[in-house]
Amino acid sequence: MMPLKKGPEPITDLLDFYDRWPSLRGSMHALSEDSALSEDARETLSWLILLADRVGPADLSD
């Protein structure tokens, strides 16, 4: 019997999200252009992508 395919590990915190952002960005950009989403949702997602792109290491230090 083949093991069930698992999805990616859940993001655990902001630092984990930051580390994974480069690999997530492409799929988020594609989703932001998906006509299945409302225009408002696409615009909001586009702004969230711009916001995530601006986060850097200095923003995550304590």
N, C-alpha and C. Protein backbone atom coordinates (compact mmCIF):
# COMPACT_ATOMS: atom_id res chain seq x y z
N MET A 1 0.84 -1.17 0.00
CA MET A 1 0.00 0.00 0.00
C MET A 1 0.89 1.24 0.00
N MET A 2 0.57 2.22 -0.88
CA MET A 2 1.35 3.46 -0.96
C MET A 2 0.94 4.40 0.16
N PRO A 3 1.91 5.07 0.78
CA PRO A 3 1.54 6.05 1.82
C PRO A 3 0.79 7.22 1.21
N LEU A 4 -0.09 7.82 2.01
CA LEU A 4 -0.83 8.98 1.55
C LEU A 4 0.13 10.14 1.36
N LYS A 5 -0.08 10.89 0.29
CA LYS A 5 0.76 12.06 0.04
C LYS A 5 0.33 13.19 0.97
N LYS A 6 1.27 13.72 1.69
CA LYS A 6 0.99 14.84 2.58
C LYS A 6 1.30 16.14 1.87
N GLY A 7 0.58 17.19 2.25
CA GLY A 7 0.87 18.52 1.74
C GLY A 7 2.06 19.09 2.47
N PRO A 8 2.38 20.33 2.17
CA PRO A 8 3.51 20.96 2.86
C PRO A 8 3.22 21.08 4.36
N GLU A 9 4.27 21.12 5.11
CA GLU A 9 4.13 21.30 6.56
C GLU A 9 3.47 22.65 6.83
N PRO A 10 2.61 22.71 7.83
CA PRO A 10 1.98 24.00 8.16
C PRO A 10 3.03 25.03 8.58
N ILE A 11 2.77 26.28 8.24
CA ILE A 11 3.66 27.37 8.66
C ILE A 11 3.45 27.57 10.15
N THR A 12 4.53 27.64 10.89
CA THR A 12 4.43 27.66 12.35
C THR A 12 4.47 29.05 12.97
N ASP A 13 5.12 30.01 12.30
CA ASP A 13 5.21 31.35 12.86
C ASP A 13 5.68 32.32 11.78
N LEU A 14 5.83 33.58 12.15
CA LEU A 14 6.21 34.61 11.18
C LEU A 14 7.58 34.33 10.56
N LEU A 15 8.53 33.89 11.35
CA LEU A 15 9.87 33.60 10.83
C LEU A 15 9.81 32.45 9.82
N ASP A 16 9.02 31.44 10.12
CA ASP A 16 8.85 30.32 9.20
C ASP A 16 8.22 30.81 7.89
N PHE A 17 7.20 31.67 7.99
CA PHE A 17 6.59 32.23 6.79
C PHE A 17 7.61 33.02 5.99
N TYR A 18 8.40 33.86 6.64
CA TYR A 18 9.43 34.66 5.97
C TYR A 18 10.41 33.75 5.22
N ASP A 19 10.84 32.69 5.88
CA ASP A 19 11.79 31.76 5.25
C ASP A 19 11.18 31.07 4.03
N ARG A 20 9.90 30.81 4.07
CA ARG A 20 9.24 30.10 2.96
C ARG A 20 8.71 31.04 1.88
N TRP A 21 8.65 32.34 2.14
CA TRP A 21 8.05 33.28 1.21
C TRP A 21 8.57 33.16 -0.23
N PRO A 22 9.88 33.04 -0.46
CA PRO A 22 10.35 32.92 -1.85
C PRO A 22 9.71 31.76 -2.61
N SER A 23 9.46 30.65 -1.94
CA SER A 23 8.84 29.51 -2.63
C SER A 23 7.32 29.64 -2.71
N LEU A 24 6.72 30.45 -1.86
CA LEU A 24 5.27 30.65 -1.87
C LEU A 24 4.83 31.75 -2.82
N ARG A 25 5.73 32.70 -3.08
CA ARG A 25 5.35 33.92 -3.80
C ARG A 25 4.74 33.65 -5.18
N GLY A 26 5.32 32.75 -5.94
CA GLY A 26 4.84 32.46 -7.29
C GLY A 26 3.40 31.96 -7.30
N SER A 27 3.09 31.06 -6.39
CA SER A 27 1.72 30.53 -6.35
C SER A 27 0.75 31.60 -5.83
N MET A 28 1.20 32.48 -4.94
CA MET A 28 0.33 33.55 -4.46
C MET A 28 0.08 34.57 -5.57
N HIS A 29 1.10 34.83 -6.38
CA HIS A 29 0.93 35.76 -7.51
C HIS A 29 -0.07 35.16 -8.52
N ALA A 30 0.08 33.87 -8.82
CA ALA A 30 -0.85 33.23 -9.75
C ALA A 30 -2.27 33.28 -9.20
N LEU A 31 -2.42 33.03 -7.92
CA LEU A 31 -3.74 33.09 -7.29
C LEU A 31 -4.32 34.49 -7.37
N SER A 32 -3.47 35.50 -7.26
CA SER A 32 -3.95 36.89 -7.30
C SER A 32 -4.48 37.27 -8.68
N GLU A 33 -4.19 36.46 -9.68
CA GLU A 33 -4.69 36.70 -11.03
C GLU A 33 -5.81 35.74 -11.43
N ASP A 34 -6.24 34.90 -10.50
CA ASP A 34 -7.26 33.89 -10.77
C ASP A 34 -8.65 34.54 -10.80
N SER A 35 -9.33 34.41 -11.92
CA SER A 35 -10.65 35.03 -12.06
C SER A 35 -11.71 34.37 -11.19
N ALA A 36 -11.38 33.22 -10.57
CA ALA A 36 -12.33 32.59 -9.65
C ALA A 36 -12.47 33.41 -8.37
N LEU A 37 -11.47 34.23 -8.06
CA LEU A 37 -11.55 35.13 -6.91
C LEU A 37 -12.26 36.41 -7.31
N SER A 38 -12.90 37.03 -6.35
CA SER A 38 -13.53 38.32 -6.63
C SER A 38 -12.45 39.36 -6.90
N GLU A 39 -12.84 40.43 -7.56
CA GLU A 39 -11.88 41.50 -7.84
C GLU A 39 -11.30 42.05 -6.55
N ASP A 40 -12.14 42.21 -5.53
CA ASP A 40 -11.66 42.70 -4.23
C ASP A 40 -10.64 41.75 -3.62
N ALA A 41 -10.90 40.46 -3.70
CA ALA A 41 -9.98 39.47 -3.13
C ALA A 41 -8.65 39.48 -3.88
N ARG A 42 -8.71 39.58 -5.21
CA ARG A 42 -7.47 39.64 -6.00
C ARG A 42 -6.66 40.88 -5.65
N GLU A 43 -7.33 42.01 -5.50
CA GLU A 43 -6.61 43.24 -5.16
C GLU A 43 -6.00 43.14 -3.76
N THR A 44 -6.75 42.61 -2.81
CA THR A 44 -6.23 42.45 -1.45
C THR A 44 -5.02 41.53 -1.45
N LEU A 45 -5.11 40.42 -2.16
CA LEU A 45 -3.98 39.49 -2.22
C LEU A 45 -2.77 40.16 -2.87
N SER A 46 -2.99 40.95 -3.91
CA SER A 46 -1.87 41.67 -4.54
C SER A 46 -1.18 42.61 -3.55
N TRP A 47 -1.97 43.31 -2.73
CA TRP A 47 -1.39 44.19 -1.72
C TRP A 47 -0.65 43.39 -0.65
N LEU A 48 -1.18 42.24 -0.27
CA LEU A 48 -0.49 41.41 0.72
C LEU A 48 0.84 40.88 0.19
N ILE A 49 0.90 40.58 -1.11
CA ILE A 49 2.15 40.16 -1.73
C ILE A 49 3.17 41.29 -1.66
N LEU A 50 2.74 42.50 -2.01
CA LEU A 50 3.65 43.66 -1.92
C LEU A 50 4.13 43.86 -0.49
N LEU A 51 3.26 43.69 0.47
CA LEU A 51 3.62 43.84 1.87
C LEU A 51 4.65 42.77 2.27
N ALA A 52 4.39 41.52 1.91
CA ALA A 52 5.31 40.44 2.27
C ALA A 52 6.68 40.66 1.61
N ASP A 53 6.69 41.21 0.41
CA ASP A 53 7.96 41.48 -0.28
C ASP A 53 8.80 42.52 0.45
N ARG A 54 8.17 43.36 1.23
CA ARG A 54 8.89 44.43 1.93
C ARG A 54 9.45 44.00 3.28
N VAL A 55 9.03 42.86 3.78
CA VAL A 55 9.50 42.38 5.08
C VAL A 55 10.93 41.87 4.92
N GLY A 56 11.79 42.29 5.83
CA GLY A 56 13.18 41.86 5.79
C GLY A 56 13.64 41.41 7.17
N PRO A 57 14.85 40.94 7.26
CA PRO A 57 15.39 40.43 8.54
C PRO A 57 15.28 41.43 9.69
N ALA A 58 15.48 42.72 9.41
CA ALA A 58 15.40 43.72 10.47
C ALA A 58 13.99 43.82 11.05
N ASP A 59 12.99 43.48 10.25
CA ASP A 59 11.61 43.53 10.71
C ASP A 59 11.28 42.36 11.65
N LEU A 60 12.10 41.33 11.64
CA LEU A 60 11.81 40.13 12.42
C LEU A 60 12.64 40.01 13.68
N SER A 61 13.59 40.91 13.88
CA SER A 61 14.43 40.81 15.08
C SER A 61 13.69 41.40 16.28
N ASP A 62 14.04 40.88 17.42
CA ASP A 62 13.42 41.37 18.69
C ASP A 62 14.15 42.56 19.24
